[in-house]
Amino acid sequence: MGELHARYKYRADRMTYACPGEDEGKTRGQQSRPLLEKRVRSYMSFTLSSDLFRRVRSDLNNVQILKLGGFDLGDRGAWVLGKALASNESLALLDLGFNGITCKGVEQIADALEEGKNRTLKTLYLSGNGVGVGGAARLSAALRSNHSLKTLYLSGNGIGDEGVKHLADMLRVNTTLTSLYLGTNGIGSGGMAHLADALTVNHHVEELMLSQNRIESAGVHSLVDAFSTAILPLQTLEIGFNNIDAAGVIALAEMLESRPNRLQNLYLDNNPVGDAGAAALGRCIATTTSLRVLDLSYAHLSLLGFRDLCMGLRESTTLMGLLLDGHDWASTKYMQRPPPNVASLAKDDAYQYAAKCIVTALQINPSLPLVKLTGVNLSFAPGGFNVDVPEAVELTAPQPVCALNERIMDHVRRLAVPDSVAETSADTGEREEEATTSREVAVVDQSRKVLDKIAALPFDADELNALCEYYCA
């Protein structure tokens, strides 16, 4: 997903659903869009750049947030704003996205960011312009000595691998930048190698957004090597839309499973991950102690890959968000060994089975902190698998599926761990053992009730056996 799309992210022990930077809009000192439009039109009446500069510098006094995205400012507007920025002591966020700014316009902005000039700007949006390799090089040179900027948006600027090399060299010495957005820049595996190498010595970049590039599995292997060399500071990694296949995902999952890391949010959406990649991620989430959000939307999974992914949920103690939009669980298109002459499974049974995979994981592992689930509708589970839902949850009401799933998961946990009065530790241990046995018996009992339904699904013999073993395990 691109940087402007809202998505779930783990932050400080809570789940949020927000566009990057949206909280800044609530900060005092922001100029309203209508007022900005009026002022920008008034600027057009100035014929002398010196007069325009003085007016802009005066207008920016005490402004903390300035959003000028899509105003068609061009290089002249960027030059004036950059010149004013150099002496400004209030601006914390500057949005100049989609303004037709080239390397020439970026020159003055970069100059303002050099050491000894602007000391307040923390977020700079330059996405959707055309700064190119030259602009990336100039910004990188300025940021080598900048001590205030924390977030830089450069998506959609055509910087390519060469431009990324300049940024990577900057990251080796910069100590303040924490978030870097580089989506849709034509970055390939070579550019990823430059970034990965820089991250082994950078201790500050926590968010790296690289969606809609050409990283592929070769680029992921460079990142895996970096993770294997050092404990990277990365907490959020977005590499959707990069044609990363199962081989790259397996390598990444195995590294996260075996090496210490800080990664909390991993976005792999819109990549051909496949069932093999999903199985590797299932093993990863069973053991990792840091990963909180995993996005596998539109990742070419079948019901079998989803089943293997859910096996990891049985043991996970950290995963809070699992995003699986864009999958038809009744389809056999992405199965490695699809049943012969069968284009799809029975839709209701497939959806019911998908829901049951989640419910069973929660019944076995009620401590699983999963609160956000997309791509699976758990309302298919209650009627078919005897999972009661409180009357307050109206399954026919037009509620977002994610919100409905959250309520159902909470209810399943309450059923799995009933409330009890405080007891001695010995008695508590005995009751926990009895409860575990009771849950296991209940799961097996419920599993046997649905074996007939599973048998009706047109899986081949090996797959049917695997499904039965899963339910009766």
Protein backbone atom coordinates (compact mmCIF):
# COMPACT_ATOMS: atom_id res chain seq x y z
CA MET A 1 0.00 0.00 0.00
CA GLY A 2 1.14 3.52 -0.67
CA GLU A 3 2.05 6.07 1.95
CA LEU A 4 -1.29 7.93 1.72
CA HIS A 5 -3.39 4.87 2.51
CA ALA A 6 -4.70 4.41 6.03
CA ARG A 7 -3.59 1.18 7.66
CA TYR A 8 -3.17 -0.50 10.98
CA LYS A 9 0.08 0.09 12.79
CA TYR A 10 1.34 -0.89 16.22
CA ARG A 11 2.42 2.08 18.32
CA ALA A 12 3.25 2.06 22.02
CA ASP A 13 1.12 -0.90 23.10
CA ARG A 14 -1.92 0.07 21.05
CA MET A 15 -3.27 -0.40 17.56
CA THR A 16 -3.94 2.67 15.44
CA TYR A 17 -5.62 3.15 12.08
CA ALA A 18 -4.31 6.31 10.54
CA CYS A 19 -2.72 7.99 7.58
CA PRO A 20 0.89 8.94 8.24
CA GLY A 21 1.03 12.47 9.55
CA GLU A 22 -2.68 12.85 10.24
CA ASP A 23 -2.13 13.71 13.89
CA GLU A 24 -0.06 16.70 12.91
CA GLY A 25 -3.17 18.30 11.44
CA LYS A 26 -4.59 18.75 14.93
CA THR A 27 -1.61 20.78 16.10
CA ARG A 28 -2.11 24.43 16.84
CA GLY A 29 -0.77 26.81 14.25
CA GLN A 30 -2.02 25.04 11.13
CA GLN A 31 -3.28 27.20 8.26
CA SER A 32 -6.66 26.24 6.77
CA ARG A 33 -6.85 25.24 3.11
CA PRO A 34 -9.17 28.11 2.04
CA LEU A 35 -6.91 30.66 3.70
CA LEU A 36 -3.88 29.16 2.03
CA GLU A 37 -5.56 29.26 -1.38
CA LYS A 38 -6.37 32.93 -0.89
CA ARG A 39 -2.83 33.75 0.13
CA VAL A 40 -1.24 31.74 -2.66
CA ARG A 41 -3.39 33.60 -5.19
CA SER A 42 -2.26 36.88 -3.65
CA TYR A 43 1.36 35.81 -4.02
CA MET A 44 0.89 35.51 -7.75
CA SER A 45 0.52 39.30 -7.96
CA PHE A 46 4.13 39.82 -6.93
CA THR A 47 6.47 40.34 -9.85
CA LEU A 48 9.68 40.70 -7.84
CA SER A 49 10.96 37.62 -6.03
CA SER A 50 12.39 39.80 -3.26
CA ASP A 51 8.95 41.25 -2.48
CA LEU A 52 7.39 37.79 -2.56
CA PHE A 53 10.05 36.42 -0.23
CA ARG A 54 9.47 39.15 2.35
CA ARG A 55 5.70 38.53 2.29
CA VAL A 56 6.04 34.76 2.64
CA ARG A 57 8.59 35.07 5.44
CA SER A 58 6.21 37.36 7.32
CA ASP A 59 3.22 35.06 6.79
CA LEU A 60 5.13 32.04 8.10
CA ASN A 61 5.84 33.60 11.48
CA ASN A 62 4.29 31.43 14.23
CA VAL A 63 2.91 28.88 11.70
CA GLN A 64 3.73 25.34 12.80
CA ILE A 65 2.13 23.36 9.98
CA LEU A 66 2.00 24.42 6.34
CA LYS A 67 0.25 22.09 3.88
CA LEU A 68 0.65 23.27 0.30
CA GLY A 69 0.29 19.94 -1.49
CA GLY A 70 -1.09 20.22 -5.02
CA PHE A 71 -0.83 24.01 -5.38
CA ASP A 72 1.31 23.81 -8.55
CA LEU A 73 3.98 25.96 -6.94
CA GLY A 74 6.77 24.79 -9.21
CA ASP A 75 10.43 25.60 -8.69
CA ARG A 76 9.80 29.30 -8.10
CA GLY A 77 7.44 28.59 -5.20
CA ALA A 78 9.87 26.06 -3.76
CA TRP A 79 12.70 28.58 -4.04
CA VAL A 80 10.75 31.25 -2.15
CA LEU A 81 9.60 28.86 0.56
CA GLY A 82 13.09 27.42 0.94
CA LYS A 83 14.57 30.86 1.34
CA ALA A 84 11.97 31.75 3.98
CA LEU A 85 12.47 28.40 5.70
CA ALA A 86 16.14 29.11 6.35
CA SER A 87 15.32 31.82 8.90
CA ASN A 88 11.98 30.45 10.13
CA GLU A 89 11.79 29.45 13.81
CA SER A 90 8.28 27.99 14.07
CA LEU A 91 7.50 25.61 11.19
CA ALA A 92 7.49 21.92 12.17
CA LEU A 93 5.76 20.40 9.13
CA LEU A 94 6.01 21.50 5.50
CA ASP A 95 3.98 19.74 2.80
CA LEU A 96 5.06 20.52 -0.76
CA GLY A 97 3.83 17.31 -2.36
CA PHE A 98 2.64 17.22 -5.98
CA ASN A 99 3.82 20.70 -6.93
CA GLY A 100 5.97 20.05 -9.98
CA ILE A 101 9.18 20.73 -8.08
CA THR A 102 12.40 19.59 -9.74
CA CYS A 103 16.01 19.39 -8.66
CA LYS A 104 16.31 23.14 -9.20
CA GLY A 105 13.51 23.92 -6.73
CA VAL A 106 14.82 21.48 -4.13
CA GLU A 107 18.16 23.28 -4.10
CA GLN A 108 16.90 26.16 -1.94
CA ILE A 109 14.97 23.85 0.40
CA ALA A 110 18.07 21.74 0.92
CA ASP A 111 20.11 24.85 1.58
CA ALA A 112 17.68 25.82 4.37
CA LEU A 113 18.17 22.43 6.03
CA GLU A 114 21.92 22.67 6.30
CA GLU A 115 23.54 22.99 9.71
CA GLY A 116 23.20 26.39 11.32
CA LYS A 117 20.00 27.38 9.51
CA ASN A 118 16.48 25.98 10.10
CA ARG A 119 16.30 24.10 13.41
CA THR A 120 12.56 23.45 13.82
CA LEU A 121 11.35 21.50 10.77
CA LYS A 122 10.61 17.90 11.70
CA THR A 123 8.54 16.63 8.75
CA LEU A 124 9.04 17.40 5.05
CA TYR A 125 6.66 16.14 2.34
CA LEU A 126 8.09 16.19 -1.18
CA SER A 127 6.22 13.21 -2.62
CA GLY A 128 4.88 13.32 -6.15
CA ASN A 129 7.35 15.83 -7.52
CA GLY A 130 10.27 15.27 -9.87
CA VAL A 131 13.37 15.91 -7.82
CA GLY A 132 15.21 13.00 -9.47
CA VAL A 133 18.72 11.83 -8.70
CA GLY A 134 20.07 15.37 -8.46
CA GLY A 135 17.46 16.43 -5.93
CA ALA A 136 18.08 13.31 -3.84
CA ALA A 137 21.80 14.04 -3.88
CA ARG A 138 21.32 17.66 -2.81
CA LEU A 139 18.92 16.76 0.01
CA SER A 140 21.25 14.01 1.18
CA ALA A 141 24.15 16.43 1.36
CA ALA A 142 22.11 18.83 3.48
CA LEU A 143 20.81 16.14 5.82
CA ARG A 144 24.28 14.91 6.64
CA SER A 145 24.53 17.82 9.07
CA ASN A 146 20.84 18.45 9.85
CA HIS A 147 19.80 17.80 13.46
CA SER A 148 16.03 18.41 13.39
CA LEU A 149 14.31 16.61 10.48
CA LYS A 150 12.78 13.30 11.58
CA THR A 151 10.47 12.34 8.69
CA LEU A 152 11.14 12.68 4.96
CA TYR A 153 8.59 11.83 2.26
CA LEU A 154 10.21 11.33 -1.16
CA SER A 155 7.83 8.86 -2.78
CA GLY A 156 7.17 9.24 -6.49
CA ASN A 157 10.23 11.30 -7.37
CA GLY A 158 12.08 9.04 -9.79
CA ILE A 159 15.26 8.87 -7.75
CA GLY A 160 16.08 5.26 -8.69
CA ASP A 161 19.00 3.24 -7.38
CA GLU A 162 21.46 6.08 -7.95
CA GLY A 163 19.42 8.51 -5.87
CA VAL A 164 18.99 5.92 -3.13
CA LYS A 165 22.77 5.50 -2.96
CA HIS A 166 23.08 9.19 -2.01
CA LEU A 167 20.43 8.74 0.68
CA ALA A 168 22.14 5.61 1.98
CA ASP A 169 25.45 7.45 2.29
CA MET A 170 23.63 10.16 4.24
CA LEU A 171 22.09 7.61 6.61
CA ARG A 172 25.54 6.46 7.63
CA VAL A 173 26.14 9.76 9.42
CA ASN A 174 22.67 11.25 10.06
CA THR A 175 21.49 10.79 13.65
CA THR A 176 17.98 12.29 13.65
CA LEU A 177 15.98 10.89 10.70
CA THR A 178 13.58 8.18 11.93
CA SER A 179 11.10 7.74 9.04
CA LEU A 180 11.90 7.54 5.33
CA TYR A 181 9.23 7.16 2.62
CA LEU A 182 10.62 6.06 -0.75
CA GLY A 183 7.70 4.36 -2.49
CA THR A 184 7.26 4.43 -6.29
CA ASN A 185 10.80 5.47 -7.12
CA GLY A 186 11.97 2.71 -9.44
CA ILE A 187 14.24 1.30 -6.75
CA GLY A 188 15.61 -2.14 -7.55
CA SER A 189 17.62 -4.76 -5.72
CA GLY A 190 20.76 -2.63 -6.08
CA GLY A 191 19.16 0.31 -4.31
CA MET A 192 17.89 -2.00 -1.59
CA ALA A 193 21.43 -3.29 -1.11
CA HIS A 194 22.68 0.28 -0.56
CA LEU A 195 19.97 0.96 2.03
CA ALA A 196 20.45 -2.36 3.81
CA ASP A 197 24.18 -1.80 4.13
CA ALA A 198 23.62 1.70 5.54
CA LEU A 199 21.14 0.40 8.11
CA THR A 200 23.80 -1.80 9.66
CA VAL A 201 25.54 1.35 10.96
CA ASN A 202 22.50 3.63 11.35
CA HIS A 203 20.81 3.34 14.75
CA HIS A 204 17.88 5.69 14.25
CA VAL A 205 15.73 4.85 11.18
CA GLU A 206 12.66 3.08 12.57
CA GLU A 207 10.29 3.31 9.58
CA LEU A 208 11.28 2.44 6.01
CA MET A 209 8.55 2.60 3.35
CA LEU A 210 9.47 1.11 -0.03
CA SER A 211 6.16 0.11 -1.61
CA GLN A 212 5.67 -0.02 -5.38
CA ASN A 213 9.32 -0.41 -6.34
CA ARG A 214 11.26 -3.27 -7.96
CA ILE A 215 13.07 -4.73 -4.97
CA GLU A 216 12.06 -8.35 -5.63
CA SER A 217 13.50 -11.28 -3.68
CA ALA A 218 17.09 -10.35 -4.52
CA GLY A 219 16.65 -7.07 -2.66
CA VAL A 220 15.04 -8.84 0.29
CA HIS A 221 18.09 -11.09 0.59
CA SER A 222 20.25 -7.96 0.99
CA LEU A 223 17.98 -6.87 3.82
CA VAL A 224 18.16 -10.33 5.39
CA ASP A 225 21.96 -10.12 5.31
CA ALA A 226 21.78 -6.76 7.08
CA PHE A 227 19.46 -8.15 9.77
CA SER A 228 21.89 -11.03 10.22
CA THR A 229 24.82 -8.65 10.66
CA ALA A 230 23.34 -6.27 13.24
CA ILE A 231 20.22 -5.59 15.27
CA LEU A 232 18.65 -3.02 12.98
CA PRO A 233 16.58 -0.15 14.40
CA LEU A 234 13.72 -0.88 11.98
CA GLN A 235 10.31 -1.20 13.60
CA THR A 236 8.17 -0.72 10.47
CA LEU A 237 9.03 -2.14 7.04
CA GLU A 238 6.73 -1.61 4.07
CA ILE A 239 7.70 -3.56 0.94
CA GLY A 240 4.34 -4.16 -0.73
CA PHE A 241 4.03 -4.15 -4.54
CA ASN A 242 7.64 -5.29 -5.08
CA ASN A 243 7.19 -8.66 -6.81
CA ILE A 244 8.67 -10.50 -3.83
CA ASP A 245 8.02 -14.20 -4.22
CA ALA A 246 7.98 -17.07 -1.74
CA ALA A 247 11.77 -17.46 -1.77
CA GLY A 248 12.31 -13.91 -0.54
CA VAL A 249 9.56 -14.16 2.06
CA ILE A 250 10.86 -17.48 3.37
CA ALA A 251 14.35 -16.00 3.79
CA LEU A 252 12.93 -12.98 5.62
CA ALA A 253 10.67 -15.09 7.84
CA GLU A 254 13.46 -17.48 8.80
CA MET A 255 15.72 -14.57 9.69
CA LEU A 256 13.04 -12.92 11.85
CA GLU A 257 12.44 -16.26 13.53
CA SER A 258 16.08 -16.90 14.35
CA ARG A 259 17.74 -13.49 14.80
CA PRO A 260 17.11 -10.76 17.42
CA ASN A 261 15.25 -7.86 15.81
CA ARG A 262 12.91 -4.98 16.60
CA LEU A 263 10.49 -5.27 13.69
CA GLN A 264 6.89 -4.64 14.78
CA ASN A 265 5.02 -3.85 11.55
CA LEU A 266 5.67 -5.83 8.36
CA TYR A 267 3.73 -5.01 5.18
CA LEU A 268 4.09 -7.59 2.40
CA ASP A 269 0.83 -6.86 0.61
CA ASN A 270 0.44 -7.26 -3.15
CA ASN A 271 3.39 -9.63 -3.52
CA PRO A 272 3.21 -13.24 -4.82
CA VAL A 273 3.93 -14.64 -1.35
CA GLY A 274 1.97 -17.83 -1.95
CA ASP A 275 1.23 -20.69 0.41
CA ALA A 276 4.91 -21.54 0.94
CA GLY A 277 5.65 -17.99 2.07
CA ALA A 278 2.58 -18.00 4.32
CA ALA A 279 3.70 -21.24 5.95
CA ALA A 280 7.12 -19.73 6.70
CA LEU A 281 5.49 -16.65 8.20
CA GLY A 282 3.29 -18.92 10.30
CA ARG A 283 6.39 -20.49 11.82
CA CYS A 284 7.83 -17.01 12.31
CA ILE A 285 4.88 -15.54 14.21
CA ALA A 286 4.81 -18.60 16.46
CA THR A 287 8.19 -17.68 17.92
CA THR A 288 8.88 -13.98 17.32
CA THR A 289 8.52 -11.68 20.29
CA SER A 290 8.42 -8.37 18.44
CA LEU A 291 6.10 -8.60 15.41
CA ARG A 292 2.73 -6.95 16.05
CA VAL A 293 1.20 -6.34 12.59
CA LEU A 294 1.49 -8.50 9.47
CA ASP A 295 -0.07 -7.41 6.17
CA LEU A 296 -0.53 -10.17 3.59
CA SER A 297 -3.35 -8.56 1.63
CA TYR A 298 -3.52 -9.66 -2.01
CA ALA A 299 -0.61 -12.04 -1.44
CA HIS A 300 -1.78 -15.01 -3.55
CA LEU A 301 -2.75 -17.26 -0.63
CA SER A 302 -5.09 -20.21 -0.81
CA LEU A 303 -7.05 -21.72 2.06
CA LEU A 304 -4.17 -24.12 2.69
CA GLY A 305 -1.62 -21.34 3.08
CA PHE A 306 -4.01 -19.55 5.38
CA ARG A 307 -4.32 -22.70 7.47
CA ASP A 308 -0.53 -22.92 7.85
CA LEU A 309 -0.38 -19.24 8.78
CA CYS A 310 -2.99 -19.81 11.47
CA MET A 311 -0.92 -22.61 12.96
CA GLY A 312 1.47 -19.89 14.09
CA LEU A 313 -1.38 -18.09 15.84
CA ARG A 314 -1.73 -21.07 18.16
CA GLU A 315 1.58 -20.12 19.77
CA SER A 316 1.96 -16.39 19.09
CA THR A 317 2.09 -14.08 22.09
CA THR A 318 2.56 -10.77 20.26
CA LEU A 319 0.60 -10.54 16.98
CA MET A 320 -2.13 -7.90 17.23
CA GLY A 321 -3.03 -7.28 13.59
CA LEU A 322 -3.39 -9.70 10.66
CA LEU A 323 -4.45 -8.12 7.36
CA LEU A 324 -5.58 -10.54 4.66
CA ASP A 325 -7.79 -8.55 2.31
CA GLY A 326 -8.11 -9.57 -1.31
CA HIS A 327 -8.30 -13.35 -0.98
CA ASP A 328 -11.03 -15.67 -2.19
CA TRP A 329 -10.73 -18.60 0.17
CA ALA A 330 -12.93 -20.70 -2.09
CA SER A 331 -10.51 -20.38 -5.00
CA THR A 332 -7.93 -23.05 -5.86
CA LYS A 333 -5.96 -20.71 -8.15
CA TYR A 334 -2.96 -20.39 -5.84
CA MET A 335 -2.88 -23.93 -4.47
CA GLN A 336 0.37 -25.71 -5.31
CA ARG A 337 -1.52 -28.96 -5.82
CA PRO A 338 -5.09 -27.96 -6.65
CA PRO A 339 -7.75 -30.66 -6.84
CA PRO A 340 -8.05 -31.85 -10.46
CA ASN A 341 -10.86 -30.35 -12.51
CA VAL A 342 -12.04 -28.14 -9.63
CA ALA A 343 -11.94 -24.37 -10.13
CA SER A 344 -13.23 -23.48 -6.68
CA LEU A 345 -14.39 -24.92 -3.38
CA ALA A 346 -17.87 -24.61 -1.94
CA LYS A 347 -17.86 -20.93 -0.97
CA ASP A 348 -19.75 -21.15 2.33
CA ASP A 349 -17.73 -24.14 3.49
CA ALA A 350 -14.43 -22.48 2.55
CA TYR A 351 -15.33 -19.27 4.38
CA GLN A 352 -16.51 -21.30 7.35
CA TYR A 353 -13.25 -23.22 7.40
CA ALA A 354 -11.23 -19.98 7.28
CA ALA A 355 -13.20 -18.61 10.21
CA LYS A 356 -12.70 -21.85 12.10
CA CYS A 357 -8.93 -21.63 11.67
CA ILE A 358 -8.93 -18.35 13.59
CA VAL A 359 -11.43 -19.49 16.21
CA THR A 360 -9.52 -22.70 16.88
CA ALA A 361 -6.27 -20.78 17.30
CA LEU A 362 -7.94 -18.52 19.87
CA GLN A 363 -9.45 -21.47 21.71
CA ILE A 364 -6.06 -23.15 21.97
CA ASN A 365 -4.19 -19.90 22.63
CA PRO A 366 -6.54 -17.43 24.38
CA SER A 367 -3.55 -15.23 25.25
CA LEU A 368 -3.14 -14.38 21.56
CA PRO A 369 -3.49 -10.55 21.51
CA LEU A 370 -5.01 -10.43 17.99
CA VAL A 371 -7.48 -7.53 17.81
CA LYS A 372 -7.49 -6.51 14.14
CA LEU A 373 -8.33 -9.10 11.50
CA THR A 374 -9.30 -8.37 7.90
CA GLY A 375 -9.99 -10.64 4.95
CA VAL A 376 -11.80 -13.25 7.06
CA ASN A 377 -15.37 -12.92 8.28
CA LEU A 378 -15.71 -14.65 11.64
CA SER A 379 -19.49 -14.39 11.47
CA PHE A 380 -19.30 -17.59 9.41
CA ALA A 381 -17.98 -19.42 12.47
CA PRO A 382 -20.69 -19.13 15.17
CA GLY A 383 -23.58 -20.93 13.49
CA GLY A 384 -21.49 -23.70 12.03
CA PHE A 385 -19.14 -24.26 14.93
CA ASN A 386 -21.27 -23.55 18.00
CA VAL A 387 -19.39 -20.40 18.96
CA ASP A 388 -21.97 -18.27 20.73
CA VAL A 389 -21.97 -14.54 20.11
CA PRO A 390 -23.66 -12.08 22.51
CA GLU A 391 -27.00 -10.77 21.35
CA ALA A 392 -25.47 -7.30 21.17
CA VAL A 393 -23.57 -8.40 18.08
CA GLU A 394 -26.07 -8.32 15.24
CA LEU A 395 -24.51 -10.35 12.48
CA THR A 396 -26.92 -8.94 9.92
CA ALA A 397 -26.14 -5.33 10.76
CA PRO A 398 -23.91 -3.42 8.32
CA GLN A 399 -20.93 -3.32 10.67
CA PRO A 400 -17.40 -3.30 9.33
CA VAL A 401 -16.15 -6.87 9.30
CA CYS A 402 -13.02 -5.91 11.21
CA ALA A 403 -15.03 -4.46 14.10
CA LEU A 404 -17.29 -7.50 14.10
CA ASN A 405 -14.29 -9.82 14.13
CA GLU A 406 -12.85 -7.99 17.13
CA ARG A 407 -16.00 -8.57 19.16
CA ILE A 408 -16.22 -12.22 18.20
CA MET A 409 -12.56 -12.80 19.08
CA ASP A 410 -13.05 -11.18 22.47
CA HIS A 411 -16.01 -13.45 23.10
CA VAL A 412 -14.08 -16.57 22.09
CA ARG A 413 -11.35 -15.63 24.55
CA ARG A 414 -13.88 -15.21 27.34
CA LEU A 415 -15.27 -18.66 26.61
CA ALA A 416 -11.77 -20.14 26.58
CA VAL A 417 -10.75 -18.46 29.85
CA PRO A 418 -13.80 -18.22 32.15
CA ASP A 419 -13.76 -15.79 35.07
CA SER A 420 -12.98 -17.34 38.46
CA VAL A 421 -12.34 -16.18 41.99
CA ALA A 422 -8.81 -15.90 43.30
CA GLU A 423 -7.35 -19.15 44.57
CA THR A 424 -4.10 -20.47 45.94
CA SER A 425 -1.37 -21.01 43.39
CA ALA A 426 -1.69 -24.79 43.72
CA ASP A 427 -5.44 -24.74 43.14
CA THR A 428 -4.99 -22.29 40.29
CA GLY A 429 -2.51 -24.60 38.61
CA GLU A 430 -4.91 -27.52 38.90
CA ARG A 431 -7.78 -25.48 37.50
CA GLU A 432 -5.65 -24.25 34.61
CA GLU A 433 -4.70 -27.82 33.77
CA GLU A 434 -8.35 -28.88 33.92
CA ALA A 435 -9.38 -25.93 31.78
CA THR A 436 -6.73 -26.79 29.21
CA THR A 437 -7.90 -30.39 29.08
CA SER A 438 -11.52 -29.24 28.83
CA ARG A 439 -10.67 -26.89 25.94
CA GLU A 440 -8.77 -29.64 24.14
CA VAL A 441 -11.71 -32.02 24.51
CA ALA A 442 -14.09 -29.32 23.29
CA VAL A 443 -11.91 -28.55 20.29
CA VAL A 444 -11.64 -32.21 19.32
CA ASP A 445 -15.38 -32.67 19.82
CA GLN A 446 -16.20 -29.67 17.67
CA SER A 447 -13.62 -30.76 15.12
CA ARG A 448 -15.23 -34.14 14.67
CA LYS A 449 -18.57 -32.50 14.10
CA VAL A 450 -17.20 -30.68 11.07
CA LEU A 451 -15.17 -33.50 9.56
CA ASP A 452 -18.14 -34.43 7.40
CA LYS A 453 -18.24 -30.87 6.10
CA ILE A 454 -14.52 -30.92 5.41
CA ALA A 455 -14.81 -34.23 3.60
CA ALA A 456 -17.38 -32.64 1.31
CA LEU A 457 -14.81 -30.08 0.17
CA PRO A 458 -13.11 -31.13 -3.08
CA PHE A 459 -9.55 -31.34 -1.70
CA ASP A 460 -7.25 -34.10 -2.90
CA ALA A 461 -6.47 -36.99 -0.56
CA ASP A 462 -3.28 -35.54 0.92
CA GLU A 463 -4.86 -32.17 1.58
CA LEU A 464 -7.96 -33.73 3.12
CA ASN A 465 -5.76 -35.75 5.47
CA ALA A 466 -3.86 -32.60 6.44
CA LEU A 467 -7.09 -30.78 7.21
CA CYS A 468 -8.39 -33.61 9.36
CA GLU A 469 -5.11 -33.80 11.27
CA TYR A 470 -5.27 -30.05 11.85
CA TYR A 471 -8.75 -30.21 13.34
CA CYS A 472 -8.16 -33.24 15.53
CA ALA A 473 -4.64 -32.32 16.65
